């Protein structure tokens, strides 16, 4: 759900609603780092170099929207943040963004980080498939509006 008092940019569009919830750069980078093992405010701040007030706001919103779960750390003085099921469901989207960036945001020989599986192998490129398993493109699909 959108935060109280908020309004959806385009209420009938799943892409617009997703962007409304997690579409700013800091939220996506927090989600990325949570997927990479960050769990505390300090870890997120050190990894991202983000201002305290912005990090506080984004973590609050991600918890409020059900992307992260917040709980007291064992020492009782800090909190830990973990991806919820909804947050884990963003993995495919983050991988797709990463792969797009690898293809279009770097020069051909420019070094960049690589996402690998638990065996050290690079992930295969993601490709949407139709119901028959054939590759699907933007030209071969369209949005069906609901009434």
N, C-alpha and C. Protein backbone atom coordinates (compact mmCIF):
# COMPACT_ATOMS: atom_id res chain seq x y z
N UNK A 1 0.83 -1.19 0.00
CA UNK A 1 0.00 0.00 0.00
C UNK A 1 0.88 1.25 0.00
N UNK A 2 0.38 2.27 -0.62
CA UNK A 2 1.06 3.56 -0.62
C UNK A 2 0.89 4.21 0.74
N UNK A 3 1.89 4.96 1.15
CA UNK A 3 1.84 5.62 2.45
C UNK A 3 0.59 6.48 2.58
N UNK A 4 0.13 6.62 3.81
CA UNK A 4 -1.05 7.44 4.08
C UNK A 4 -0.86 8.83 3.49
N UNK A 5 -1.90 9.33 2.85
CA UNK A 5 -1.85 10.66 2.26
C UNK A 5 -1.23 10.69 0.88
N UNK A 6 -0.66 9.57 0.45
CA UNK A 6 -0.04 9.53 -0.87
C UNK A 6 -1.06 9.19 -1.93
N UNK A 7 -0.69 9.40 -3.16
CA UNK A 7 -1.55 9.05 -4.28
C UNK A 7 -0.70 8.33 -5.32
N UNK A 8 -1.27 7.33 -5.95
CA UNK A 8 -0.57 6.61 -7.00
C UNK A 8 -0.38 7.52 -8.21
N UNK A 9 0.77 7.44 -8.85
CA UNK A 9 1.04 8.19 -10.06
C UNK A 9 0.08 7.76 -11.17
N UNK A 10 -0.07 6.45 -11.33
CA UNK A 10 -0.98 5.87 -12.33
C UNK A 10 -1.59 4.63 -11.68
N UNK A 11 -2.75 4.77 -11.03
CA UNK A 11 -3.31 3.71 -10.21
C UNK A 11 -3.50 2.36 -10.90
N UNK A 12 -3.70 2.33 -12.20
CA UNK A 12 -3.96 1.06 -12.90
C UNK A 12 -2.70 0.40 -13.45
N UNK A 13 -1.54 1.04 -13.30
CA UNK A 13 -0.31 0.51 -13.90
C UNK A 13 0.62 -0.11 -12.84
N UNK A 14 0.91 -1.41 -12.94
CA UNK A 14 1.82 -2.05 -11.98
C UNK A 14 3.23 -1.45 -11.99
N UNK A 15 3.71 -1.03 -13.16
CA UNK A 15 5.05 -0.42 -13.23
C UNK A 15 5.06 0.90 -12.46
N UNK A 16 4.06 1.73 -12.68
CA UNK A 16 3.99 3.02 -11.97
C UNK A 16 3.87 2.81 -10.47
N UNK A 17 3.07 1.86 -10.04
CA UNK A 17 2.94 1.60 -8.60
C UNK A 17 4.26 1.13 -8.01
N UNK A 18 4.97 0.28 -8.73
CA UNK A 18 6.27 -0.19 -8.25
C UNK A 18 7.24 0.97 -8.12
N UNK A 19 7.29 1.81 -9.12
CA UNK A 19 8.17 2.99 -9.08
C UNK A 19 7.77 3.91 -7.93
N UNK A 20 6.48 4.07 -7.69
CA UNK A 20 6.02 4.87 -6.56
C UNK A 20 6.54 4.31 -5.24
N UNK A 21 6.64 3.00 -5.13
CA UNK A 21 7.06 2.37 -3.88
C UNK A 21 8.58 2.30 -3.72
N UNK A 22 9.30 1.96 -4.79
CA UNK A 22 10.74 1.69 -4.64
C UNK A 22 11.59 2.34 -5.71
N UNK A 23 11.05 3.27 -6.47
CA UNK A 23 11.72 3.75 -7.67
C UNK A 23 12.80 4.80 -7.50
N UNK A 24 13.04 5.29 -6.29
CA UNK A 24 14.13 6.26 -6.18
C UNK A 24 15.46 5.52 -6.02
N UNK A 25 16.54 6.19 -6.37
CA UNK A 25 17.85 5.52 -6.40
C UNK A 25 18.24 4.93 -5.07
N UNK A 26 17.99 5.66 -3.97
CA UNK A 26 18.45 5.16 -2.68
C UNK A 26 17.69 3.91 -2.27
N UNK A 27 16.40 3.86 -2.51
CA UNK A 27 15.62 2.68 -2.14
C UNK A 27 16.12 1.45 -2.89
N UNK A 28 16.35 1.59 -4.18
CA UNK A 28 16.86 0.46 -4.95
C UNK A 28 18.24 0.02 -4.49
N UNK A 29 19.09 0.97 -4.14
CA UNK A 29 20.43 0.61 -3.68
C UNK A 29 20.38 -0.03 -2.29
N UNK A 30 19.47 0.40 -1.44
CA UNK A 30 19.28 -0.25 -0.14
C UNK A 30 18.81 -1.69 -0.35
N UNK A 31 17.86 -1.88 -1.24
CA UNK A 31 17.37 -3.23 -1.55
C UNK A 31 18.51 -4.09 -2.09
N UNK A 32 19.29 -3.52 -3.02
CA UNK A 32 20.44 -4.25 -3.56
C UNK A 32 21.39 -4.68 -2.46
N UNK A 33 21.71 -3.75 -1.55
CA UNK A 33 22.65 -4.07 -0.47
C UNK A 33 22.05 -5.05 0.53
N UNK A 34 20.75 -4.99 0.77
CA UNK A 34 20.10 -5.98 1.63
C UNK A 34 20.22 -7.37 1.00
N UNK A 35 20.10 -7.44 -0.31
CA UNK A 35 20.28 -8.71 -1.01
C UNK A 35 21.71 -9.20 -0.90
N UNK A 36 22.64 -8.28 -0.70
CA UNK A 36 24.05 -8.62 -0.59
C UNK A 36 24.50 -8.77 0.86
N UNK A 37 23.54 -8.78 1.80
CA UNK A 37 23.88 -9.10 3.18
C UNK A 37 23.87 -7.96 4.19
N UNK A 38 23.68 -6.73 3.77
CA UNK A 38 23.62 -5.63 4.73
C UNK A 38 22.36 -5.77 5.57
N UNK A 39 22.49 -5.54 6.89
CA UNK A 39 21.33 -5.68 7.77
C UNK A 39 21.17 -4.53 8.75
N UNK A 40 22.20 -3.72 8.95
CA UNK A 40 22.10 -2.65 9.94
C UNK A 40 22.22 -1.28 9.30
N UNK A 41 21.74 -0.28 10.01
CA UNK A 41 21.83 1.10 9.57
C UNK A 41 23.27 1.44 9.21
N UNK A 42 24.19 1.06 10.09
CA UNK A 42 25.62 1.36 9.88
C UNK A 42 26.14 0.71 8.61
N UNK A 43 25.76 -0.54 8.38
CA UNK A 43 26.22 -1.22 7.16
C UNK A 43 25.70 -0.53 5.91
N UNK A 44 24.42 -0.18 5.91
CA UNK A 44 23.87 0.51 4.75
C UNK A 44 24.57 1.85 4.55
N UNK A 45 24.77 2.58 5.63
CA UNK A 45 25.39 3.90 5.54
C UNK A 45 26.82 3.81 5.02
N UNK A 46 27.59 2.85 5.53
CA UNK A 46 28.97 2.70 5.08
C UNK A 46 29.06 2.25 3.63
N UNK A 47 28.20 1.34 3.22
CA UNK A 47 28.23 0.85 1.83
C UNK A 47 27.80 1.92 0.83
N UNK A 48 26.80 2.71 1.22
CA UNK A 48 26.19 3.65 0.28
C UNK A 48 26.74 5.07 0.37
N UNK A 49 27.31 5.45 1.50
CA UNK A 49 27.74 6.83 1.68
C UNK A 49 26.55 7.80 1.69
N UNK A 50 25.43 7.34 2.16
CA UNK A 50 24.18 8.09 2.15
C UNK A 50 24.06 8.91 3.43
N UNK A 51 23.43 10.07 3.34
CA UNK A 51 23.20 10.92 4.51
C UNK A 51 22.27 10.19 5.49
N UNK A 52 22.50 10.39 6.77
CA UNK A 52 21.72 9.71 7.82
C UNK A 52 20.21 9.96 7.66
N UNK A 53 19.84 11.22 7.42
CA UNK A 53 18.41 11.53 7.34
C UNK A 53 17.75 10.86 6.14
N UNK A 54 18.45 10.77 5.04
CA UNK A 54 17.89 10.12 3.85
C UNK A 54 17.77 8.61 4.09
N UNK A 55 18.81 8.02 4.68
CA UNK A 55 18.77 6.59 4.97
C UNK A 55 17.64 6.27 5.95
N UNK A 56 17.49 7.08 6.98
CA UNK A 56 16.41 6.88 7.94
C UNK A 56 15.06 6.91 7.25
N UNK A 57 14.86 7.90 6.39
CA UNK A 57 13.60 8.03 5.66
C UNK A 57 13.35 6.84 4.75
N UNK A 58 14.36 6.42 3.97
CA UNK A 58 14.16 5.32 3.03
C UNK A 58 13.93 4.00 3.76
N UNK A 59 14.68 3.74 4.83
CA UNK A 59 14.45 2.51 5.58
C UNK A 59 13.03 2.49 6.16
N UNK A 60 12.59 3.62 6.69
CA UNK A 60 11.23 3.71 7.24
C UNK A 60 10.20 3.39 6.16
N UNK A 61 10.37 4.00 4.98
CA UNK A 61 9.42 3.76 3.90
C UNK A 61 9.45 2.31 3.42
N UNK A 62 10.63 1.73 3.32
CA UNK A 62 10.72 0.34 2.87
C UNK A 62 10.08 -0.61 3.88
N UNK A 63 10.20 -0.32 5.16
CA UNK A 63 9.52 -1.11 6.19
C UNK A 63 8.02 -0.88 6.08
N UNK A 64 7.62 0.38 5.97
CA UNK A 64 6.20 0.74 5.87
C UNK A 64 5.52 0.06 4.68
N UNK A 65 6.24 -0.09 3.57
CA UNK A 65 5.69 -0.69 2.36
C UNK A 65 5.85 -2.21 2.31
N UNK A 66 6.41 -2.79 3.37
CA UNK A 66 6.51 -4.24 3.43
C UNK A 66 7.63 -4.83 2.61
N UNK A 67 8.64 -4.03 2.27
CA UNK A 67 9.79 -4.52 1.51
C UNK A 67 10.87 -5.03 2.47
N UNK A 68 11.05 -4.34 3.57
CA UNK A 68 11.98 -4.74 4.62
C UNK A 68 11.22 -4.98 5.91
N UNK A 69 11.77 -5.84 6.74
CA UNK A 69 11.24 -6.07 8.08
C UNK A 69 12.29 -5.53 9.06
N UNK A 70 11.84 -4.84 10.08
CA UNK A 70 12.74 -4.23 11.07
C UNK A 70 12.54 -4.95 12.40
N UNK A 71 13.66 -5.36 13.02
CA UNK A 71 13.56 -6.00 14.33
C UNK A 71 14.73 -5.54 15.19
N UNK A 72 14.58 -5.70 16.50
CA UNK A 72 15.64 -5.31 17.43
C UNK A 72 16.80 -6.28 17.29
N UNK A 73 18.01 -5.74 17.28
CA UNK A 73 19.21 -6.57 17.23
C UNK A 73 19.40 -7.25 18.58
N UNK A 74 20.25 -8.25 18.62
CA UNK A 74 20.50 -8.99 19.86
C UNK A 74 20.98 -8.09 20.99
N UNK A 75 21.71 -7.04 20.66
CA UNK A 75 22.22 -6.15 21.71
C UNK A 75 21.14 -5.20 22.24
N UNK A 76 19.99 -5.17 21.57
CA UNK A 76 18.88 -4.34 22.02
C UNK A 76 19.03 -2.86 21.73
N UNK A 77 20.18 -2.44 21.25
CA UNK A 77 20.41 -1.01 21.01
C UNK A 77 20.20 -0.63 19.55
N UNK A 78 20.30 -1.58 18.67
CA UNK A 78 20.17 -1.30 17.25
C UNK A 78 19.04 -2.11 16.67
N UNK A 79 18.78 -1.85 15.39
CA UNK A 79 17.78 -2.62 14.66
C UNK A 79 18.47 -3.34 13.52
N UNK A 80 17.87 -4.43 13.11
CA UNK A 80 18.32 -5.10 11.90
C UNK A 80 17.19 -5.05 10.89
N UNK A 81 17.57 -5.06 9.64
CA UNK A 81 16.63 -5.01 8.53
C UNK A 81 16.85 -6.24 7.66
N UNK A 82 15.77 -6.89 7.32
CA UNK A 82 15.82 -8.05 6.44
C UNK A 82 14.75 -7.91 5.37
N UNK A 83 15.04 -8.43 4.21
CA UNK A 83 14.05 -8.42 3.14
C UNK A 83 12.87 -9.32 3.50
N UNK A 84 11.68 -8.82 3.27
CA UNK A 84 10.48 -9.63 3.42
C UNK A 84 10.34 -10.50 2.17
N UNK A 85 9.27 -11.27 2.12
CA UNK A 85 9.01 -12.04 0.90
C UNK A 85 8.84 -11.10 -0.29
N UNK A 86 8.14 -9.98 -0.07
CA UNK A 86 7.97 -8.99 -1.15
C UNK A 86 9.33 -8.42 -1.56
N UNK A 87 10.20 -8.19 -0.61
CA UNK A 87 11.54 -7.70 -0.92
C UNK A 87 12.35 -8.72 -1.69
N UNK A 88 12.27 -9.98 -1.28
CA UNK A 88 12.97 -11.05 -1.99
C UNK A 88 12.45 -11.18 -3.42
N UNK A 89 11.16 -10.92 -3.61
CA UNK A 89 10.57 -11.00 -4.95
C UNK A 89 11.16 -9.97 -5.91
N UNK A 90 11.85 -8.98 -5.40
CA UNK A 90 12.48 -7.97 -6.26
C UNK A 90 13.80 -8.45 -6.86
N UNK A 91 14.26 -9.63 -6.48
CA UNK A 91 15.55 -10.13 -6.97
C UNK A 91 15.62 -10.14 -8.49
N UNK A 92 14.60 -10.66 -9.14
CA UNK A 92 14.60 -10.74 -10.60
C UNK A 92 14.69 -9.35 -11.21
N UNK A 93 13.96 -8.39 -10.63
CA UNK A 93 14.00 -7.02 -11.14
C UNK A 93 15.38 -6.41 -10.96
N UNK A 94 16.02 -6.66 -9.83
CA UNK A 94 17.36 -6.12 -9.58
C UNK A 94 18.36 -6.76 -10.55
N UNK A 95 18.23 -8.06 -10.77
CA UNK A 95 19.11 -8.73 -11.74
C UNK A 95 18.90 -8.14 -13.13
N UNK A 96 17.66 -7.90 -13.52
CA UNK A 96 17.38 -7.32 -14.84
C UNK A 96 17.99 -5.93 -14.96
N UNK A 97 17.87 -5.11 -13.92
CA UNK A 97 18.49 -3.78 -13.95
C UNK A 97 20.01 -3.88 -14.05
N UNK A 98 20.59 -4.81 -13.28
CA UNK A 98 22.03 -5.02 -13.32
C UNK A 98 22.48 -5.42 -14.71
N UNK A 99 21.78 -6.36 -15.31
CA UNK A 99 22.18 -6.83 -16.63
C UNK A 99 22.00 -5.76 -17.69
N UNK A 100 20.97 -4.94 -17.57
CA UNK A 100 20.81 -3.82 -18.49
C UNK A 100 22.00 -2.88 -18.33
N UNK A 101 22.37 -2.59 -17.08
CA UNK A 101 23.52 -1.72 -16.82
C UNK A 101 24.82 -2.28 -17.37
N UNK A 102 25.00 -3.58 -17.26
CA UNK A 102 26.21 -4.21 -17.81
C UNK A 102 26.28 -4.01 -19.32
N UNK A 103 25.13 -4.08 -20.00
CA UNK A 103 25.10 -3.93 -21.45
C UNK A 103 25.17 -2.48 -21.91
N UNK A 104 24.57 -1.54 -21.14
CA UNK A 104 24.38 -0.19 -21.65
C UNK A 104 25.01 0.94 -20.84
N UNK A 105 25.50 0.67 -19.65
CA UNK A 105 26.03 1.74 -18.81
C UNK A 105 27.55 1.69 -18.65
N UNK A 106 28.20 0.75 -19.33
CA UNK A 106 29.65 0.61 -19.26
C UNK A 106 30.23 0.55 -20.65
N UNK A 107 31.43 1.07 -20.80
CA UNK A 107 32.17 0.89 -22.05
C UNK A 107 32.52 -0.60 -22.17
N UNK A 108 32.74 -1.09 -23.39
CA UNK A 108 32.97 -2.53 -23.58
C UNK A 108 34.06 -3.13 -22.68
N UNK A 109 35.15 -2.44 -22.43
CA UNK A 109 36.23 -3.01 -21.62
C UNK A 109 36.28 -2.44 -20.21
N UNK A 110 35.27 -1.68 -19.83
CA UNK A 110 35.25 -1.06 -18.51
C UNK A 110 34.92 -2.10 -17.43
N UNK A 111 35.75 -2.17 -16.39
CA UNK A 111 35.47 -3.16 -15.33
C UNK A 111 34.23 -2.81 -14.52
N UNK A 112 33.56 -3.85 -14.04
CA UNK A 112 32.40 -3.68 -13.17
C UNK A 112 32.22 -4.93 -12.32
N UNK A 113 31.42 -4.82 -11.27
CA UNK A 113 31.15 -5.98 -10.43
C UNK A 113 30.35 -7.00 -11.24
N UNK A 114 30.40 -8.24 -10.77
CA UNK A 114 29.71 -9.33 -11.46
C UNK A 114 28.89 -10.09 -10.42
N UNK A 115 27.66 -10.40 -10.74
CA UNK A 115 26.80 -11.19 -9.88
C UNK A 115 27.00 -12.66 -10.23
N UNK A 116 27.31 -13.45 -9.22
CA UNK A 116 27.56 -14.88 -9.42
C UNK A 116 26.69 -15.70 -8.47
N UNK A 117 26.48 -16.95 -8.83
CA UNK A 117 25.72 -17.85 -7.95
C UNK A 117 26.65 -18.40 -6.87
N UNK A 118 26.12 -19.28 -6.02
CA UNK A 118 26.91 -19.83 -4.91
C UNK A 118 28.09 -20.67 -5.36
N UNK A 119 28.11 -21.05 -6.63
CA UNK A 119 29.23 -21.83 -7.16
C UNK A 119 30.22 -20.95 -7.93
N UNK A 120 30.00 -19.62 -7.90
CA UNK A 120 30.91 -18.69 -8.55
C UNK A 120 30.66 -18.47 -10.03
N UNK A 121 29.54 -18.96 -10.54
CA UNK A 121 29.23 -18.82 -11.96
C UNK A 121 28.36 -17.59 -12.18
N UNK A 122 28.66 -16.84 -13.25
CA UNK A 122 27.85 -15.68 -13.59
C UNK A 122 26.43 -16.13 -13.92
N UNK A 123 25.47 -15.27 -13.56
CA UNK A 123 24.07 -15.59 -13.85
C UNK A 123 23.83 -15.45 -15.35
N UNK A 124 23.00 -16.33 -15.91
CA UNK A 124 22.67 -16.19 -17.33
C UNK A 124 21.79 -14.96 -17.53
N UNK A 125 21.81 -14.43 -18.74
CA UNK A 125 20.98 -13.27 -19.06
C UNK A 125 19.51 -13.61 -18.95
N UNK A 126 18.76 -12.70 -18.33
CA UNK A 126 17.31 -12.88 -18.23
C UNK A 126 16.65 -12.48 -19.53
N UNK A 127 15.65 -13.25 -19.93
CA UNK A 127 14.87 -12.94 -21.13
C UNK A 127 13.43 -13.32 -20.88
N UNK A 128 12.49 -12.42 -21.12
CA UNK A 128 11.08 -12.79 -20.99
C UNK A 128 10.72 -13.83 -22.06
N UNK A 129 9.86 -14.74 -21.67
CA UNK A 129 9.40 -15.79 -22.59
C UNK A 129 7.89 -15.74 -22.68
N UNK A 130 7.37 -16.13 -23.84
CA UNK A 130 5.91 -16.22 -23.96
C UNK A 130 5.43 -17.54 -23.34
N UNK A 131 4.15 -17.79 -23.40
CA UNK A 131 3.57 -18.99 -22.79
C UNK A 131 4.12 -20.29 -23.38
N UNK A 132 4.65 -20.22 -24.60
CA UNK A 132 5.21 -21.41 -25.25
C UNK A 132 6.71 -21.53 -25.04
N UNK A 133 7.31 -20.60 -24.29
CA UNK A 133 8.74 -20.65 -24.02
C UNK A 133 9.59 -19.94 -25.05
N UNK A 134 8.98 -19.25 -25.99
CA UNK A 134 9.72 -18.52 -27.02
C UNK A 134 10.09 -17.13 -26.49
N UNK A 135 11.24 -16.59 -26.92
CA UNK A 135 11.63 -15.24 -26.49
C UNK A 135 10.55 -14.22 -26.83
N UNK A 136 10.37 -13.26 -25.94
CA UNK A 136 9.34 -12.24 -26.11
C UNK A 136 10.00 -10.87 -26.06
N UNK A 137 9.58 -9.97 -26.95
CA UNK A 137 10.13 -8.61 -27.00
C UNK A 137 9.02 -7.61 -26.73
N UNK A 138 9.41 -6.36 -26.56
CA UNK A 138 8.43 -5.28 -26.37
C UNK A 138 7.54 -5.16 -27.60
N UNK A 139 8.12 -5.39 -28.78
CA UNK A 139 7.33 -5.29 -30.01
C UNK A 139 6.29 -6.39 -30.12
N UNK A 140 6.53 -7.51 -29.46
CA UNK A 140 5.62 -8.66 -29.56
C UNK A 140 4.69 -8.77 -28.36
N UNK A 141 4.58 -7.71 -27.58
CA UNK A 141 3.67 -7.71 -26.43
C UNK A 141 2.99 -6.37 -26.32
N UNK A 142 1.92 -6.32 -25.56
CA UNK A 142 1.22 -5.06 -25.33
C UNK A 142 0.47 -5.12 -24.00
N UNK A 143 0.10 -3.98 -23.51
CA UNK A 143 -0.65 -3.90 -22.26
C UNK A 143 -2.12 -3.98 -22.55
N UNK A 144 -2.79 -4.87 -21.86
CA UNK A 144 -4.25 -4.95 -21.98
C UNK A 144 -4.82 -4.21 -20.78
N UNK A 145 -5.49 -3.11 -21.05
CA UNK A 145 -6.09 -2.29 -20.00
C UNK A 145 -7.31 -3.00 -19.43
N UNK A 146 -7.50 -2.84 -18.14
CA UNK A 146 -8.70 -3.39 -17.50
C UNK A 146 -9.68 -2.25 -17.25
N UNK A 147 -10.93 -2.61 -17.22
CA UNK A 147 -11.96 -1.58 -17.02
C UNK A 147 -12.20 -1.32 -15.56
